Amino acid sequence: MSGTPDTEDRDRPTAAAPDPPTLEPDERLWLESYLERLKKAPGGLLERLVVYGSKARGDAGPTSDVDVLVLVGDAPDAVGNARKLLYDGDDPDGVDHNVVVRTEADWLRDLEKELPFPRNVEAEGVQIHPVHRPARRPPGDRPPVTRKGIRHAVPVWLKEARSDLKVLAYEIGELKDGRFKDPGMAARPAFDAVFFSAMAWCLARGVSVVRRKDLPTSVERHLIEPGALDPGWRDRIRTLWAAWKAEVDWRPGGDAEPTVDDAVEWAETAREFCALARDTLGAAGIEVDPPDEAGTEGNAAEPEAAPARPRPAF
C-alpha cells in the first residue's frame, strides 16, 4: 500500500491544528486519557486516531457523541486490545462516545474500494494522532458517492438485510404462537433490516450516510418524494424510526414497550423497505447480488411469508 495518495497524505508533516472545537472539557479529558493508554500500549499498537462526525465538523448539538476512529497495526489481537483499553482508565463519567477500531491495512483497503464511510471520515475528520491535522475538505463537504463504492458496499448491505429478515420472520412466528414473549427483542432485526436497506437505497440515489442516526432525516429529505410512496407506507416507516429512537426507553411492563402487533407491523415495513431498495438499485442499473449469491433471491435469501393482520402478509 506504500506510495498511495492516502498514505502519502497521512505521513506528510502538517502544521499543528487545534483540537476539534466542539469538544467539551470532559470529552477532551476522556479523549486525552484514552489516547495516552493507546500510545503506551506495548508493541506500537496505535497507528492513527481521528475524530470525525459532528464534533469534527463543528455542528454538534447537546446530544451529540464523540465519534472516534482508531487504526491499529496488524499484530494479533490488536483490535481487541484497543477496545479493551476503552474501559481501563479512570475516565470522566457520562461521556457519550462511539469508537470504531480497525486495522490500518483493512481501512486502506476500504478506501481503495471507495466505500462511503471511510471516505467521509477521511474528508471530515480531524486527525489527533500522530500529528494534528485538519479535515481535508471544508466542514460538511463530503466526497461524492462513486460507482466503485456502491458496487462494493451495496451487495454486503443487502445480504445483511436479507439475513435480518430471515431472523425476523422466525421471531414473528414465535411471537404469534406464544413461544416468545419479547416483542421488543423481535423488533431489533426489523431495525437492522431497515438500516442496511436504507444505506443501500441512499447510495442508489447519490446520498452518502455515515451514521445510523442520520438515516431518518436522509430518507425523509432525499428519498420519500411526493407521490413516490403511498401515505400509509410513509406513516409506517416514520413510526418505525420513532420506535428506533425510543428503544432505549423500553422497560418491561412500561407504556412504551412494543406489542406483538407493533412487531408485526415493523416486520412488514422492513420487508417492503428492503424490496424498495432493491427496486431502486435495479432501476439505477446497480447489481445488488454478490457473484456467489446470484439467483438466490426469492429462495432461501427471502423470509417465508407468515399470516399477519389485514395487510399484505409478512
C-alpha atoms as a PDB file:
ATOM      1  CA  MET A   1       0.000   0.000   0.000  1.00  0.00           C
ATOM      2  CA  SER A   2       3.011   2.292   0.185  1.00  0.00           C
ATOM      3  CA  GLY A   3       3.092   5.206  -2.169  1.00  0.00           C
ATOM      4  CA  THR A   4      -0.655   5.643  -2.474  1.00  0.00           C
ATOM      5  CA  PRO A   5      -2.121   9.179  -2.203  1.00  0.00           C
ATOM      6  CA  ASP A   6      -3.769   8.204   1.106  1.00  0.00           C
ATOM      7  CA  THR A   7      -0.569   7.066   2.791  1.00  0.00           C
ATOM      8  CA  GLU A   8       1.473   9.941   1.345  1.00  0.00           C
ATOM      9  CA  ASP A   9      -1.028  12.474   2.648  1.00  0.00           C
ATOM     10  CA  ARG A  10      -1.174  10.738   6.009  1.00  0.00           C
ATOM     11  CA  ASP A  11       2.582  10.797   6.500  1.00  0.00           C
ATOM     12  CA  ARG A  12       3.226  14.303   5.187  1.00  0.00           C
ATOM     13  CA  PRO A  13       4.109  16.701   8.056  1.00  0.00           C
ATOM     14  CA  THR A  14       1.439  19.304   8.636  1.00  0.00           C
ATOM     15  CA  ALA A  15       1.092  22.396  10.748  1.00  0.00           C
ATOM     16  CA  ALA A  16      -0.491  21.836  14.121  1.00  0.00           C
ATOM     17  CA  ALA A  17      -4.231  22.409  14.188  1.00  0.00           C
ATOM     18  CA  PRO A  18      -6.408  22.987  17.250  1.00  0.00           C
ATOM     19  CA  ASP A  19      -8.396  20.198  18.799  1.00  0.00           C
ATOM     20  CA  PRO A  20     -11.947  19.778  17.497  1.00  0.00           C
ATOM     21  CA  PRO A  21     -13.633  22.998  18.600  1.00  0.00           C
ATOM     22  CA  THR A  22     -16.817  21.415  19.899  1.00  0.00           C
ATOM     23  CA  LEU A  23     -15.266  19.026  22.419  1.00  0.00           C
ATOM     24  CA  GLU A  24     -16.497  19.753  25.913  1.00  0.00           C
ATOM     25  CA  PRO A  25     -13.922  19.739  28.754  1.00  0.00           C
ATOM     26  CA  ASP A  26     -14.941  16.281  29.992  1.00  0.00           C
ATOM     27  CA  GLU A  27     -14.898  14.949  26.417  1.00  0.00           C
ATOM     28  CA  ARG A  28     -11.423  16.365  25.903  1.00  0.00           C
ATOM     29  CA  LEU A  29     -10.217  14.722  29.124  1.00  0.00           C
ATOM     30  CA  TRP A  30     -11.717  11.393  28.095  1.00  0.00           C
ATOM     31  CA  LEU A  31     -10.117  11.540  24.648  1.00  0.00           C
ATOM     32  CA  GLU A  32      -6.698  12.504  26.029  1.00  0.00           C
ATOM     33  CA  SER A  33      -6.849   9.706  28.604  1.00  0.00           C
ATOM     34  CA  TYR A  34      -7.806   7.074  26.025  1.00  0.00           C
ATOM     35  CA  LEU A  35      -5.145   8.320  23.619  1.00  0.00           C
ATOM     36  CA  GLU A  36      -2.451   8.049  26.292  1.00  0.00           C
ATOM     37  CA  ARG A  37      -3.448   4.454  27.065  1.00  0.00           C
ATOM     38  CA  LEU A  38      -3.260   3.591  23.372  1.00  0.00           C
ATOM     39  CA  LYS A  39       0.145   5.264  22.963  1.00  0.00           C
ATOM     40  CA  LYS A  40       1.580   3.450  25.984  1.00  0.00           C
ATOM     41  CA  ALA A  41       0.333   0.034  24.895  1.00  0.00           C
ATOM     42  CA  PRO A  42       3.205  -2.359  24.088  1.00  0.00           C
ATOM     43  CA  GLY A  43       4.142  -3.206  20.539  1.00  0.00           C
ATOM     44  CA  GLY A  44       3.296   0.118  18.928  1.00  0.00           C
ATOM     45  CA  LEU A  45      -0.429  -0.615  18.942  1.00  0.00           C
ATOM     46  CA  LEU A  46      -1.724   2.746  17.729  1.00  0.00           C
ATOM     47  CA  GLU A  47      -1.262   3.937  14.141  1.00  0.00           C
ATOM     48  CA  ARG A  48      -3.800   6.766  13.858  1.00  0.00           C
ATOM     49  CA  LEU A  49      -6.615   8.348  15.872  1.00  0.00           C
ATOM     50  CA  VAL A  50      -9.183  10.552  14.135  1.00  0.00           C
ATOM     51  CA  VAL A  51     -12.175  12.458  15.495  1.00  0.00           C
ATOM     52  CA  TYR A  52     -14.958  12.637  12.933  1.00  0.00           C
ATOM     53  CA  GLY A  53     -18.673  13.395  12.828  1.00  0.00           C
ATOM     54  CA  SER A  54     -20.379  16.436  14.286  1.00  0.00           C
ATOM     55  CA  LYS A  55     -17.577  17.147  16.768  1.00  0.00           C
ATOM     56  CA  ALA A  56     -15.116  17.455  13.895  1.00  0.00           C
ATOM     57  CA  ARG A  57     -17.489  19.333  11.593  1.00  0.00           C
ATOM     58  CA  GLY A  58     -18.378  21.879  14.257  1.00  0.00           C
ATOM     59  CA  ASP A  59     -22.144  21.270  14.130  1.00  0.00           C
ATOM     60  CA  ALA A  60     -22.537  19.176  17.298  1.00  0.00           C
ATOM     61  CA  GLY A  61     -25.700  19.530  19.344  1.00  0.00           C
ATOM     62  CA  PRO A  62     -26.467  18.919  23.026  1.00  0.00           C
ATOM     63  CA  THR A  63     -26.939  15.165  22.486  1.00  0.00           C
ATOM     64  CA  SER A  64     -24.037  14.602  20.069  1.00  0.00           C
ATOM     65  CA  ASP A  65     -21.498  11.944  20.953  1.00  0.00           C
ATOM     66  CA  VAL A  66     -17.769  11.868  20.249  1.00  0.00           C
ATOM     67  CA  ASP A  67     -17.051   9.804  17.129  1.00  0.00           C
ATOM     68  CA  VAL A  68     -13.530   8.380  17.105  1.00  0.00           C
ATOM     69  CA  LEU A  69     -11.694   6.192  14.606  1.00  0.00           C
ATOM     70  CA  VAL A  70      -8.767   4.177  15.980  1.00  0.00           C
ATOM     71  CA  LEU A  71      -6.449   2.496  13.478  1.00  0.00           C
ATOM     72  CA  VAL A  72      -4.062  -0.130  14.801  1.00  0.00           C
ATOM     73  CA  GLY A  73      -1.337  -2.364  13.391  1.00  0.00           C
ATOM     74  CA  ASP A  74      -1.714  -5.951  12.242  1.00  0.00           C
ATOM     75  CA  ALA A  75      -0.424  -7.597  15.425  1.00  0.00           C
ATOM     76  CA  PRO A  76      -2.603 -10.434  16.773  1.00  0.00           C
ATOM     77  CA  ASP A  77      -5.458  -9.146  18.943  1.00  0.00           C
ATOM     78  CA  ALA A  78      -4.575  -5.519  18.152  1.00  0.00           C
ATOM     79  CA  VAL A  79      -8.207  -4.563  17.558  1.00  0.00           C
ATOM     80  CA  GLY A  80      -9.391  -6.351  20.699  1.00  0.00           C
ATOM     81  CA  ASN A  81      -6.658  -4.789  22.823  1.00  0.00           C
ATOM     82  CA  ALA A  82      -7.534  -1.287  21.614  1.00  0.00           C
ATOM     83  CA  ARG A  83     -11.178  -1.906  22.517  1.00  0.00           C
ATOM     84  CA  LYS A  84     -10.262  -3.216  25.969  1.00  0.00           C
ATOM     85  CA  LEU A  85      -8.308  -0.042  26.664  1.00  0.00           C
ATOM     86  CA  LEU A  86     -11.564   1.908  26.342  1.00  0.00           C
ATOM     87  CA  TYR A  87     -12.534   0.643  29.794  1.00  0.00           C
ATOM     88  CA  ASP A  88      -9.179   0.509  31.554  1.00  0.00           C
ATOM     89  CA  GLY A  89      -8.928   4.138  32.639  1.00  0.00           C
ATOM     90  CA  ASP A  90     -10.402   6.375  35.304  1.00  0.00           C
ATOM     91  CA  ASP A  91     -12.272   8.482  32.757  1.00  0.00           C
ATOM     92  CA  PRO A  92     -14.898  11.194  33.311  1.00  0.00           C
ATOM     93  CA  ASP A  93     -18.409   9.814  33.743  1.00  0.00           C
ATOM     94  CA  GLY A  94     -21.156  10.486  31.254  1.00  0.00           C
ATOM     95  CA  VAL A  95     -19.055  10.970  28.109  1.00  0.00           C
ATOM     96  CA  ASP A  96     -21.080   9.579  25.225  1.00  0.00           C
ATOM     97  CA  HIS A  97     -18.672   8.169  22.664  1.00  0.00           C
ATOM     98  CA  ASN A  98     -18.689   5.960  19.587  1.00  0.00           C
ATOM     99  CA  VAL A  99     -15.315   4.339  18.906  1.00  0.00           C
ATOM    100  CA  VAL A 100     -14.597   2.399  15.714  1.00  0.00           C
ATOM    101  CA  VAL A 101     -11.432   0.264  15.843  1.00  0.00           C
ATOM    102  CA  ARG A 102      -9.925  -1.124  12.625  1.00  0.00           C
ATOM    103  CA  THR A 103      -6.555  -2.287  11.430  1.00  0.00           C
ATOM    104  CA  GLU A 104      -4.912   0.284   9.206  1.00  0.00           C
ATOM    105  CA  ALA A 105      -4.486  -2.284   6.429  1.00  0.00           C
ATOM    106  CA  ASP A 106      -8.229  -3.017   6.374  1.00  0.00           C
ATOM    107  CA  TRP A 107      -9.010   0.697   6.443  1.00  0.00           C
ATOM    108  CA  LEU A 108      -6.780   1.422   3.461  1.00  0.00           C
ATOM    109  CA  ARG A 109      -8.339  -1.457   1.522  1.00  0.00           C
ATOM    110  CA  ASP A 110     -11.788   0.031   2.138  1.00  0.00           C
ATOM    111  CA  LEU A 111     -10.510   3.415   0.984  1.00  0.00           C
ATOM    112  CA  GLU A 112      -9.297   1.807  -2.227  1.00  0.00           C
ATOM    113  CA  LYS A 113     -12.781   0.387  -2.709  1.00  0.00           C
ATOM    114  CA  GLU A 114     -14.135   3.941  -2.222  1.00  0.00           C
ATOM    115  CA  LEU A 115     -16.600   2.803   0.444  1.00  0.00           C
ATOM    116  CA  PRO A 116     -18.652   5.753   1.712  1.00  0.00           C
ATOM    117  CA  PHE A 117     -17.873   5.516   5.427  1.00  0.00           C
ATOM    118  CA  PRO A 118     -14.056   5.667   5.255  1.00  0.00           C
ATOM    119  CA  ARG A 119     -14.164   8.308   2.511  1.00  0.00           C
ATOM    120  CA  ASN A 120     -16.407  10.523   4.634  1.00  0.00           C
ATOM    121  CA  VAL A 121     -14.288  10.042   7.744  1.00  0.00           C
ATOM    122  CA  GLU A 122     -11.139  10.984   5.834  1.00  0.00           C
ATOM    123  CA  ALA A 123     -12.893  14.020   4.368  1.00  0.00           C
ATOM    124  CA  GLU A 124     -14.364  15.470   7.559  1.00  0.00           C
ATOM    125  CA  GLY A 125     -12.158  14.007  10.270  1.00  0.00           C
ATOM    126  CA  VAL A 126      -9.530  15.783  12.368  1.00  0.00           C
ATOM    127  CA  GLN A 127      -6.504  13.587  12.947  1.00  0.00           C
ATOM    128  CA  ILE A 128      -5.319  13.763  16.559  1.00  0.00           C
ATOM    129  CA  HIS A 129      -2.502  11.208  16.339  1.00  0.00           C
ATOM    130  CA  PRO A 130       0.296  11.017  15.179  1.00  0.00           C
ATOM    131  CA  VAL A 131       0.025  14.749  14.408  1.00  0.00           C
ATOM    132  CA  HIS A 132      -2.860  17.166  14.479  1.00  0.00           C
ATOM    133  CA  ARG A 133      -4.314  17.526  11.015  1.00  0.00           C
ATOM    134  CA  PRO A 134      -7.435  19.387   9.972  1.00  0.00           C
ATOM    135  CA  ALA A 135     -10.047  17.851   7.702  1.00  0.00           C
ATOM    136  CA  ARG A 136      -9.126  17.565   4.035  1.00  0.00           C
ATOM    137  CA  ARG A 137     -12.311  19.316   2.964  1.00  0.00           C
ATOM    138  CA  PRO A 138     -14.403  22.150   4.361  1.00  0.00           C
ATOM    139  CA  PRO A 139     -16.708  21.002   7.199  1.00  0.00           C
ATOM    140  CA  GLY A 140     -19.736  19.150   5.874  1.00  0.00           C
ATOM    141  CA  ASP A 141     -18.295  18.798   2.354  1.00  0.00           C
ATOM    142  CA  ARG A 142     -18.476  15.051   1.913  1.00  0.00           C
ATOM    143  CA  PRO A 143     -16.962  13.340  -1.118  1.00  0.00           C
ATOM    144  CA  PRO A 144     -19.448  12.257  -3.767  1.00  0.00           C
ATOM    145  CA  VAL A 145     -20.697   8.700  -3.883  1.00  0.00           C
ATOM    146  CA  THR A 146     -18.859   6.693  -6.532  1.00  0.00           C
ATOM    147  CA  ARG A 147     -19.971   3.747  -8.634  1.00  0.00           C
ATOM    148  CA  LYS A 148     -16.989   1.808  -7.318  1.00  0.00           C
ATOM    149  CA  GLY A 149     -18.046   2.379  -3.722  1.00  0.00           C
ATOM    150  CA  ILE A 150     -21.642   1.412  -4.487  1.00  0.00           C
ATOM    151  CA  ARG A 151     -20.539  -1.767  -6.234  1.00  0.00           C
ATOM    152  CA  HIS A 152     -18.547  -2.874  -3.189  1.00  0.00           C
ATOM    153  CA  ALA A 153     -20.910  -1.776  -0.427  1.00  0.00           C
ATOM    154  CA  VAL A 154     -24.437  -2.470  -1.669  1.00  0.00           C
ATOM    155  CA  PRO A 155     -24.253  -6.274  -2.038  1.00  0.00           C
ATOM    156  CA  VAL A 156     -22.911  -6.589   1.505  1.00  0.00           C
ATOM    157  CA  TRP A 157     -25.637  -4.371   2.977  1.00  0.00           C
ATOM    158  CA  LEU A 158     -28.470  -6.119   1.175  1.00  0.00           C
ATOM    159  CA  LYS A 159     -27.091  -9.506   2.169  1.00  0.00           C
ATOM    160  CA  GLU A 160     -27.170  -8.321   5.807  1.00  0.00           C
ATOM    161  CA  ALA A 161     -30.724  -7.033   5.346  1.00  0.00           C
ATOM    162  CA  ARG A 162     -31.895 -10.374   3.953  1.00  0.00           C
ATOM    163  CA  SER A 163     -30.247 -12.193   6.850  1.00  0.00           C
ATOM    164  CA  ASP A 164     -32.064  -9.957   9.349  1.00  0.00           C
ATOM    165  CA  LEU A 165     -35.358 -10.554   7.544  1.00  0.00           C
ATOM    166  CA  LYS A 166     -34.914 -14.309   7.904  1.00  0.00           C
ATOM    167  CA  VAL A 167     -34.347 -13.945  11.650  1.00  0.00           C
ATOM    168  CA  LEU A 168     -37.290 -11.563  11.857  1.00  0.00           C
ATOM    169  CA  ALA A 169     -39.682 -13.947  10.083  1.00  0.00           C
ATOM    170  CA  TYR A 170     -38.789 -16.695  12.546  1.00  0.00           C
ATOM    171  CA  GLU A 171     -39.210 -14.498  15.615  1.00  0.00           C
ATOM    172  CA  ILE A 172     -42.553 -13.123  14.427  1.00  0.00           C
ATOM    173  CA  GLY A 173     -43.799 -16.697  14.072  1.00  0.00           C
ATOM    174  CA  GLU A 174     -42.594 -17.437  17.608  1.00  0.00           C
ATOM    175  CA  LEU A 175     -44.393 -14.358  18.939  1.00  0.00           C
ATOM    176  CA  LYS A 176     -47.672 -15.277  17.270  1.00  0.00           C
ATOM    177  CA  ASP A 177     -47.507 -18.826  18.620  1.00  0.00           C
ATOM    178  CA  GLY A 178     -46.797 -17.566  22.123  1.00  0.00           C
ATOM    179  CA  ARG A 179     -43.392 -19.253  22.348  1.00  0.00           C
ATOM    180  CA  PHE A 180     -41.552 -15.919  22.507  1.00  0.00           C
ATOM    181  CA  LYS A 181     -42.600 -13.126  24.865  1.00  0.00           C
ATOM    182  CA  ASP A 182     -40.393 -10.142  23.980  1.00  0.00           C
ATOM    183  CA  PRO A 183     -41.723  -8.096  21.033  1.00  0.00           C
ATOM    184  CA  GLY A 184     -39.024  -5.503  21.586  1.00  0.00           C
ATOM    185  CA  MET A 185     -36.290  -8.077  21.060  1.00  0.00           C
ATOM    186  CA  ALA A 186     -38.081  -9.404  17.989  1.00  0.00           C
ATOM    187  CA  ALA A 187     -38.250  -5.872  16.581  1.00  0.00           C
ATOM    188  CA  ARG A 188     -34.480  -5.402  16.555  1.00  0.00           C
ATOM    189  CA  PRO A 189     -33.947  -7.379  13.329  1.00  0.00           C
ATOM    190  CA  ALA A 190     -36.557  -5.086  11.745  1.00  0.00           C
ATOM    191  CA  PHE A 191     -34.493  -2.051  12.708  1.00  0.00           C
ATOM    192  CA  ASP A 192     -31.336  -3.643  11.324  1.00  0.00           C
ATOM    193  CA  ALA A 193     -33.007  -4.746   8.083  1.00  0.00           C
ATOM    194  CA  VAL A 194     -34.284  -1.208   7.501  1.00  0.00           C
ATOM    195  CA  PHE A 195     -30.876   0.247   8.371  1.00  0.00           C
ATOM    196  CA  PHE A 196     -28.976  -1.836   5.809  1.00  0.00           C
ATOM    197  CA  SER A 197     -31.684  -1.384   3.174  1.00  0.00           C
ATOM    198  CA  ALA A 198     -31.730   2.385   3.736  1.00  0.00           C
ATOM    199  CA  MET A 199     -27.956   2.599   3.377  1.00  0.00           C
ATOM    200  CA  ALA A 200     -28.196   0.816   0.020  1.00  0.00           C
ATOM    201  CA  TRP A 201     -31.117   2.996  -1.073  1.00  0.00           C
ATOM    202  CA  CYS A 202     -29.271   6.162  -0.117  1.00  0.00           C
ATOM    203  CA  LEU A 203     -26.289   5.155  -2.214  1.00  0.00           C
ATOM    204  CA  ALA A 204     -28.506   4.408  -5.210  1.00  0.00           C
ATOM    205  CA  ARG A 205     -29.774   7.996  -5.030  1.00  0.00           C
ATOM    206  CA  GLY A 206     -26.317   9.509  -4.528  1.00  0.00           C
ATOM    207  CA  VAL A 207     -26.832  10.273  -0.817  1.00  0.00           C
ATOM    208  CA  SER A 208     -23.983   9.163   1.433  1.00  0.00           C
ATOM    209  CA  VAL A 209     -24.956   8.495   5.056  1.00  0.00           C
ATOM    210  CA  VAL A 210     -22.299   7.785   7.669  1.00  0.00           C
ATOM    211  CA  ARG A 211     -24.237   7.174  10.873  1.00  0.00           C
ATOM    212  CA  ARG A 212     -27.349   5.152  11.579  1.00  0.00           C
ATOM    213  CA  LYS A 213     -28.897   8.049  13.488  1.00  0.00           C
ATOM    214  CA  ASP A 214     -28.675  10.210  10.341  1.00  0.00           C
ATOM    215  CA  LEU A 215     -30.823   7.857   8.277  1.00  0.00           C
ATOM    216  CA  PRO A 216     -34.326   9.083   9.199  1.00  0.00           C
ATOM    217  CA  THR A 217     -33.541  12.639   8.131  1.00  0.00           C
ATOM    218  CA  SER A 218     -31.799  11.498   4.963  1.00  0.00           C
ATOM    219  CA  VAL A 219     -34.635   9.183   3.987  1.00  0.00           C
ATOM    220  CA  GLU A 220     -37.266  11.853   4.619  1.00  0.00           C
ATOM    221  CA  ARG A 221     -35.347  14.617   2.863  1.00  0.00           C
ATOM    222  CA  HIS A 222     -33.946  12.807  -0.138  1.00  0.00           C
ATOM    223  CA  LEU A 223     -35.901   9.653  -0.761  1.00  0.00           C
ATOM    224  CA  ILE A 224     -39.565   9.936   0.212  1.00  0.00           C
ATOM    225  CA  GLU A 225     -40.688  12.187  -2.598  1.00  0.00           C
ATOM    226  CA  PRO A 226     -44.262  13.397  -3.168  1.00  0.00           C
ATOM    227  CA  GLY A 227     -46.214  10.633  -4.838  1.00  0.00           C
ATOM    228  CA  ALA A 228     -43.332   8.143  -4.683  1.00  0.00           C
ATOM    229  CA  LEU A 229     -44.849   6.149  -1.833  1.00  0.00           C
ATOM    230  CA  ASP A 230     -48.383   5.868  -0.566  1.00  0.00           C
ATOM    231  CA  PRO A 231     -49.115   7.862   2.641  1.00  0.00           C
ATOM    232  CA  GLY A 232     -49.775   4.714   4.663  1.00  0.00           C
ATOM    233  CA  TRP A 233     -46.343   3.349   3.866  1.00  0.00           C
ATOM    234  CA  ARG A 234     -44.695   6.661   4.762  1.00  0.00           C
ATOM    235  CA  ASP A 235     -46.537   6.701   8.083  1.00  0.00           C
ATOM    236  CA  ARG A 236     -45.316   3.202   8.883  1.00  0.00           C
ATOM    237  CA  ILE A 237     -41.671   3.991   8.158  1.00  0.00           C
ATOM    238  CA  ARG A 238     -41.911   7.127  10.316  1.00  0.00           C
ATOM    239  CA  THR A 239     -43.426   5.058  13.134  1.00  0.00           C
ATOM    240  CA  LEU A 240     -40.516   2.639  12.846  1.00  0.00           C
ATOM    241  CA  TRP A 241     -37.984   5.489  13.054  1.00  0.00           C
ATOM    242  CA  ALA A 242     -39.738   6.789  16.180  1.00  0.00           C
ATOM    243  CA  ALA A 243     -39.664   3.343  17.791  1.00  0.00           C
ATOM    244  CA  TRP A 244     -36.000   3.025  16.881  1.00  0.00           C
ATOM    245  CA  LYS A 245     -35.190   6.245  18.741  1.00  0.00           C
ATOM    246  CA  ALA A 246     -37.293   5.199  21.749  1.00  0.00           C
ATOM    247  CA  GLU A 247     -35.790   1.733  22.016  1.00  0.00           C
ATOM    248  CA  VAL A 248     -33.513   2.654  24.914  1.00  0.00           C
ATOM    249  CA  ASP A 249     -36.543   3.684  26.966  1.00  0.00           C
ATOM    250  CA  TRP A 250     -38.370   0.355  26.718  1.00  0.00           C
ATOM    251  CA  ARG A 251     -38.904  -1.256  30.086  1.00  0.00           C
ATOM    252  CA  PRO A 252     -40.769  -4.469  30.893  1.00  0.00           C
ATOM    253  CA  GLY A 253     -44.357  -3.522  31.625  1.00  0.00           C
ATOM    254  CA  GLY A 254     -43.834   0.092  30.604  1.00  0.00           C
ATOM    255  CA  ASP A 255     -46.135   2.132  28.391  1.00  0.00           C
ATOM    256  CA  ALA A 256     -43.574   2.307  25.595  1.00  0.00           C
ATOM    257  CA  GLU A 257     -42.968  -1.437  25.440  1.00  0.00           C
ATOM    258  CA  PRO A 258     -43.828  -2.790  21.966  1.00  0.00           C
ATOM    259  CA  THR A 259     -46.662  -5.218  21.403  1.00  0.00           C
ATOM    260  CA  VAL A 260     -46.861  -8.210  19.093  1.00  0.00           C
ATOM    261  CA  ASP A 261     -48.901  -6.096  16.662  1.00  0.00           C
ATOM    262  CA  ASP A 262     -46.137  -3.467  16.696  1.00  0.00           C
ATOM    263  CA  ALA A 263     -43.517  -6.101  15.891  1.00  0.00           C
ATOM    264  CA  VAL A 264     -45.616  -7.486  13.025  1.00  0.00           C
ATOM    265  CA  GLU A 265     -46.104  -4.000  11.571  1.00  0.00           C
ATOM    266  CA  TRP A 266     -42.390  -3.236  11.753  1.00  0.00           C
ATOM    267  CA  ALA A 267     -41.609  -6.599  10.149  1.00  0.00           C
ATOM    268  CA  GLU A 268     -43.868  -5.788   7.204  1.00  0.00           C
ATOM    269  CA  THR A 269     -42.272  -2.371   6.856  1.00  0.00           C
ATOM    270  CA  ALA A 270     -38.759  -3.829   6.958  1.00  0.00           C
ATOM    271  CA  ARG A 271     -39.523  -6.339   4.241  1.00  0.00           C
ATOM    272  CA  GLU A 272     -41.134  -3.731   1.992  1.00  0.00           C
ATOM    273  CA  PHE A 273     -38.264  -1.311   2.562  1.00  0.00           C
ATOM    274  CA  CYS A 274     -35.762  -3.986   1.536  1.00  0.00           C
ATOM    275  CA  ALA A 275     -37.767  -4.693  -1.639  1.00  0.00           C
ATOM    276  CA  LEU A 276     -37.990  -0.972  -2.374  1.00  0.00           C
ATOM    277  CA  ALA A 277     -34.228  -0.617  -2.008  1.00  0.00           C
ATOM    278  CA  ARG A 278     -33.665  -3.474  -4.451  1.00  0.00           C
ATOM    279  CA  ASP A 279     -36.080  -1.954  -6.972  1.00  0.00           C
ATOM    280  CA  THR A 280     -34.389   1.440  -6.735  1.00  0.00           C
ATOM    281  CA  LEU A 281     -30.940  -0.078  -7.197  1.00  0.00           C
ATOM    282  CA  GLY A 282     -32.138  -2.152 -10.128  1.00  0.00           C
ATOM    283  CA  ALA A 283     -33.639   0.911 -11.789  1.00  0.00           C
ATOM    284  CA  ALA A 284     -30.280   2.659 -11.392  1.00  0.00           C
ATOM    285  CA  GLY A 285     -28.520  -0.255 -13.089  1.00  0.00           C
ATOM    286  CA  ILE A 286     -26.673  -1.318  -9.928  1.00  0.00           C
ATOM    287  CA  GLU A 287     -26.020  -5.025  -9.397  1.00  0.00           C
ATOM    288  CA  VAL A 288     -27.192  -5.944  -5.908  1.00  0.00           C
ATOM    289  CA  ASP A 289     -26.219  -9.603  -5.507  1.00  0.00           C
ATOM    290  CA  PRO A 290     -22.684 -10.806  -4.820  1.00  0.00           C
ATOM    291  CA  PRO A 291     -21.489 -13.102  -7.636  1.00  0.00           C
ATOM    292  CA  ASP A 292     -21.682 -16.214  -5.440  1.00  0.00           C
ATOM    293  CA  GLU A 293     -25.282 -15.451  -4.493  1.00  0.00           C
ATOM    294  CA  ALA A 294     -26.723 -14.636  -7.895  1.00  0.00           C
ATOM    295  CA  GLY A 295     -30.034 -16.310  -8.435  1.00  0.00           C
ATOM    296  CA  THR A 296     -30.760 -16.938  -4.771  1.00  0.00           C
ATOM    297  CA  GLU A 297     -33.167 -14.041  -4.405  1.00  0.00           C
ATOM    298  CA  GLY A 298     -36.673 -15.319  -3.808  1.00  0.00           C
ATOM    299  CA  ASN A 299     -35.423 -18.608  -2.316  1.00  0.00           C
ATOM    300  CA  ALA A 300     -33.546 -19.069   0.917  1.00  0.00           C
ATOM    301  CA  ALA A 301     -32.499 -15.416   0.950  1.00  0.00           C
ATOM    302  CA  GLU A 302     -36.083 -14.263   1.427  1.00  0.00           C
ATOM    303  CA  PRO A 303     -38.093 -14.820   4.633  1.00  0.00           C
ATOM    304  CA  GLU A 304     -41.079 -17.074   4.365  1.00  0.00           C
ATOM    305  CA  ALA A 305     -44.479 -15.431   4.376  1.00  0.00           C
ATOM    306  CA  ALA A 306     -46.440 -15.585   7.613  1.00  0.00           C
ATOM    307  CA  PRO A 307     -50.027 -14.616   8.411  1.00  0.00           C
ATOM    308  CA  ALA A 308     -50.471 -11.057   9.620  1.00  0.00           C
ATOM    309  CA  ARG A 309     -53.154  -8.516  10.352  1.00  0.00           C
ATOM    310  CA  PRO A 310     -55.278  -7.263   7.448  1.00  0.00           C
ATOM    311  CA  ARG A 311     -52.241  -6.162   5.453  1.00  0.00           C
ATOM    312  CA  PRO A 312     -50.043  -7.865   2.909  1.00  0.00           C
ATOM    313  CA  ALA A 313     -48.743 -10.992   4.681  1.00  0.00           C
ATOM    314  CA  PHE A 314     -45.213 -10.803   6.001  1.00  0.00           C
END
